[in-house]
């Protein structure tokens, strides 16, 4: 069983994002990836999502992977029982507003995601 949490922090560069994925199960879990990208962070206007997911209803304001380049190679990462891994990104110079940020592993075989609300002044 994988648990995910998304932490955010305001920095001089923008919003630092940290997706932590913990294996709360008794057996190791291997995540399979199609590219070198291990996590995607996406920001949506918070007011677009009062009761659920904004995907499909609102366009993202920002997507981490849109401004990055990743190796085009298959890969995997194994998380041992009781262990955790983390992925980080930075949303540089976000516009003022309130956003719902979704962090998710880009694994092909697991749906691992977490959300946080971020206020940018």
C-alpha atoms as a PDB file:
ATOM      1  CA  UNK A   1       0.000   0.000   0.000  1.00  0.00           C
ATOM      2  CA  UNK A   2       1.456   3.322  -1.078  1.00  0.00           C
ATOM      3  CA  UNK A   3       0.663   6.577   0.709  1.00  0.00           C
ATOM      4  CA  UNK A   4       1.519   9.964  -0.787  1.00  0.00           C
ATOM      5  CA  UNK A   5       1.853  13.438   0.700  1.00  0.00           C
ATOM      6  CA  UNK A   6       2.592  16.742  -1.013  1.00  0.00           C
ATOM      7  CA  UNK A   7       4.445  19.435   0.910  1.00  0.00           C
ATOM      8  CA  UNK A   8       4.787  23.013  -0.322  1.00  0.00           C
ATOM      9  CA  UNK A   9       6.953  25.910   0.794  1.00  0.00           C
ATOM     10  CA  UNK A  10       7.344  29.463  -0.430  1.00  0.00           C
ATOM     11  CA  UNK A  11      10.906  30.343  -1.411  1.00  0.00           C
ATOM     12  CA  UNK A  12      12.622  33.265  -3.115  1.00  0.00           C
ATOM     13  CA  UNK A  13      12.369  31.333  -6.413  1.00  0.00           C
ATOM     14  CA  UNK A  14       8.675  30.436  -6.116  1.00  0.00           C
ATOM     15  CA  UNK A  15       6.910  27.426  -4.644  1.00  0.00           C
ATOM     16  CA  UNK A  16       8.996  24.394  -3.678  1.00  0.00           C
ATOM     17  CA  UNK A  17       7.076  21.131  -4.074  1.00  0.00           C
ATOM     18  CA  UNK A  18       7.952  17.820  -2.482  1.00  0.00           C
ATOM     19  CA  UNK A  19       6.051  14.611  -3.203  1.00  0.00           C
ATOM     20  CA  UNK A  20       6.760  11.874  -0.647  1.00  0.00           C
ATOM     21  CA  UNK A  21       5.639   8.325  -1.389  1.00  0.00           C
ATOM     22  CA  UNK A  22       5.718   5.812   1.449  1.00  0.00           C
ATOM     23  CA  UNK A  23       5.272   2.058   1.226  1.00  0.00           C
ATOM     24  CA  UNK A  24       3.091   1.240   4.228  1.00  0.00           C
ATOM     25  CA  UNK A  25       2.796  -2.394   3.170  1.00  0.00           C
ATOM     26  CA  UNK A  26       4.757  -5.456   4.205  1.00  0.00           C
ATOM     27  CA  UNK A  27       6.264  -6.131   0.746  1.00  0.00           C
ATOM     28  CA  UNK A  28       8.478  -4.063  -1.569  1.00  0.00           C
ATOM     29  CA  UNK A  29       6.687  -2.178  -4.361  1.00  0.00           C
ATOM     30  CA  UNK A  30       8.313  -1.447  -7.722  1.00  0.00           C
ATOM     31  CA  UNK A  31       7.216   1.538  -9.781  1.00  0.00           C
ATOM     32  CA  UNK A  32       7.695   1.335 -13.560  1.00  0.00           C
ATOM     33  CA  UNK A  33       8.417   4.485 -15.596  1.00  0.00           C
ATOM     34  CA  UNK A  34       8.419   5.179 -19.355  1.00  0.00           C
ATOM     35  CA  UNK A  35      10.871   8.093 -19.123  1.00  0.00           C
ATOM     36  CA  UNK A  36      13.287   9.714 -16.701  1.00  0.00           C
ATOM     37  CA  UNK A  37      10.431  11.812 -15.299  1.00  0.00           C
ATOM     38  CA  UNK A  38       9.401  10.403 -11.930  1.00  0.00           C
ATOM     39  CA  UNK A  39       6.803  12.955 -10.815  1.00  0.00           C
ATOM     40  CA  UNK A  40       4.477  15.524 -12.330  1.00  0.00           C
ATOM     41  CA  UNK A  41       3.265  18.593 -10.494  1.00  0.00           C
ATOM     42  CA  UNK A  42       0.234  20.432 -11.877  1.00  0.00           C
ATOM     43  CA  UNK A  43      -1.448  23.615 -10.606  1.00  0.00           C
ATOM     44  CA  UNK A  44      -5.134  24.376 -11.137  1.00  0.00           C
ATOM     45  CA  UNK A  45      -7.160  27.390  -9.996  1.00  0.00           C
ATOM     46  CA  UNK A  46      -8.504  26.385  -6.575  1.00  0.00           C
ATOM     47  CA  UNK A  47     -11.942  27.851  -7.266  1.00  0.00           C
ATOM     48  CA  UNK A  48     -12.372  25.391 -10.174  1.00  0.00           C
ATOM     49  CA  UNK A  49     -12.402  22.466  -7.751  1.00  0.00           C
ATOM     50  CA  UNK A  50     -14.847  22.830  -4.912  1.00  0.00           C
ATOM     51  CA  UNK A  51     -15.857  19.158  -4.851  1.00  0.00           C
ATOM     52  CA  UNK A  52     -13.289  17.040  -6.637  1.00  0.00           C
ATOM     53  CA  UNK A  53     -10.858  16.834  -9.453  1.00  0.00           C
ATOM     54  CA  UNK A  54     -10.409  19.740 -11.837  1.00  0.00           C
ATOM     55  CA  UNK A  55      -8.854  17.521 -14.502  1.00  0.00           C
ATOM     56  CA  UNK A  56     -11.097  17.592 -17.505  1.00  0.00           C
ATOM     57  CA  UNK A  57     -12.931  20.720 -16.327  1.00  0.00           C
ATOM     58  CA  UNK A  58     -10.196  23.310 -16.080  1.00  0.00           C
ATOM     59  CA  UNK A  59      -6.957  23.854 -17.878  1.00  0.00           C
ATOM     60  CA  UNK A  60      -3.872  23.735 -15.697  1.00  0.00           C
ATOM     61  CA  UNK A  61      -2.243  27.036 -14.878  1.00  0.00           C
ATOM     62  CA  UNK A  62       1.168  25.355 -14.725  1.00  0.00           C
ATOM     63  CA  UNK A  63       2.636  21.919 -15.343  1.00  0.00           C
ATOM     64  CA  UNK A  64       6.141  21.038 -14.143  1.00  0.00           C
ATOM     65  CA  UNK A  65       6.919  18.651 -17.001  1.00  0.00           C
ATOM     66  CA  UNK A  66       6.056  21.224 -19.687  1.00  0.00           C
ATOM     67  CA  UNK A  67       9.275  23.143 -19.040  1.00  0.00           C
ATOM     68  CA  UNK A  68      11.553  20.154 -18.462  1.00  0.00           C
ATOM     69  CA  UNK A  69      13.394  17.629 -20.590  1.00  0.00           C
ATOM     70  CA  UNK A  70      13.606  13.985 -19.509  1.00  0.00           C
ATOM     71  CA  UNK A  71      15.564  10.995 -20.744  1.00  0.00           C
ATOM     72  CA  UNK A  72      13.588   8.706 -23.018  1.00  0.00           C
ATOM     73  CA  UNK A  73      14.422   5.444 -21.298  1.00  0.00           C
ATOM     74  CA  UNK A  74      12.417   2.896 -19.357  1.00  0.00           C
ATOM     75  CA  UNK A  75      13.173   2.738 -15.648  1.00  0.00           C
ATOM     76  CA  UNK A  76      11.953   1.514 -12.312  1.00  0.00           C
ATOM     77  CA  UNK A  77      12.310   2.284  -8.621  1.00  0.00           C
ATOM     78  CA  UNK A  78      11.612  -0.097  -5.763  1.00  0.00           C
ATOM     79  CA  UNK A  79      10.306   1.144  -2.421  1.00  0.00           C
ATOM     80  CA  UNK A  80      10.979  -1.300   0.380  1.00  0.00           C
ATOM     81  CA  UNK A  81       8.451  -2.106   3.071  1.00  0.00           C
ATOM     82  CA  UNK A  82       8.274   0.821   5.503  1.00  0.00           C
ATOM     83  CA  UNK A  83      10.484   2.988   3.264  1.00  0.00           C
ATOM     84  CA  UNK A  84       9.766   6.180   1.357  1.00  0.00           C
ATOM     85  CA  UNK A  85      11.065   8.061  -1.659  1.00  0.00           C
ATOM     86  CA  UNK A  86      10.678  11.700  -2.561  1.00  0.00           C
ATOM     87  CA  UNK A  87      10.487  13.794  -5.705  1.00  0.00           C
ATOM     88  CA  UNK A  88      10.891  17.557  -5.845  1.00  0.00           C
ATOM     89  CA  UNK A  89      10.100  20.402  -8.183  1.00  0.00           C
ATOM     90  CA  UNK A  90       9.827  24.184  -8.138  1.00  0.00           C
ATOM     91  CA  UNK A  91       7.088  26.354  -9.575  1.00  0.00           C
ATOM     92  CA  UNK A  92       9.081  29.464 -10.419  1.00  0.00           C
ATOM     93  CA  UNK A  93       7.427  32.883 -10.257  1.00  0.00           C
ATOM     94  CA  UNK A  94       3.789  31.780  -9.971  1.00  0.00           C
ATOM     95  CA  UNK A  95       1.098  34.447 -10.427  1.00  0.00           C
ATOM     96  CA  UNK A  96      -0.821  35.591  -7.363  1.00  0.00           C
ATOM     97  CA  UNK A  97      -3.826  33.481  -6.477  1.00  0.00           C
ATOM     98  CA  UNK A  98      -4.975  30.313  -4.769  1.00  0.00           C
ATOM     99  CA  UNK A  99      -4.167  27.030  -6.478  1.00  0.00           C
ATOM    100  CA  UNK A 100      -4.811  23.339  -6.043  1.00  0.00           C
ATOM    101  CA  UNK A 101      -1.506  21.612  -6.764  1.00  0.00           C
ATOM    102  CA  UNK A 102      -1.484  17.919  -7.638  1.00  0.00           C
ATOM    103  CA  UNK A 103       1.707  15.894  -7.292  1.00  0.00           C
ATOM    104  CA  UNK A 104       1.704  12.429  -8.816  1.00  0.00           C
ATOM    105  CA  UNK A 105       4.178   9.715  -9.643  1.00  0.00           C
ATOM    106  CA  UNK A 106       4.426   9.181 -13.396  1.00  0.00           C
ATOM    107  CA  UNK A 107       4.559   5.422 -12.869  1.00  0.00           C
ATOM    108  CA  UNK A 108       2.736   3.403 -15.503  1.00  0.00           C
ATOM    109  CA  UNK A 109       1.479   0.731 -13.129  1.00  0.00           C
ATOM    110  CA  UNK A 110       0.355   2.713 -10.053  1.00  0.00           C
ATOM    111  CA  UNK A 111      -1.860   5.709  -9.372  1.00  0.00           C
ATOM    112  CA  UNK A 112      -0.003   7.568  -6.632  1.00  0.00           C
ATOM    113  CA  UNK A 113      -0.984  11.188  -6.033  1.00  0.00           C
ATOM    114  CA  UNK A 114      -1.454  13.852  -3.402  1.00  0.00           C
ATOM    115  CA  UNK A 115      -2.864  17.386  -3.402  1.00  0.00           C
ATOM    116  CA  UNK A 116      -2.268  20.636  -1.556  1.00  0.00           C
ATOM    117  CA  UNK A 117      -3.769  24.122  -1.699  1.00  0.00           C
ATOM    118  CA  UNK A 118      -1.250  26.917  -2.200  1.00  0.00           C
ATOM    119  CA  UNK A 119      -1.833  30.646  -1.673  1.00  0.00           C
ATOM    120  CA  UNK A 120       0.503  32.860  -3.692  1.00  0.00           C
ATOM    121  CA  UNK A 121       0.659  36.528  -2.760  1.00  0.00           C
END
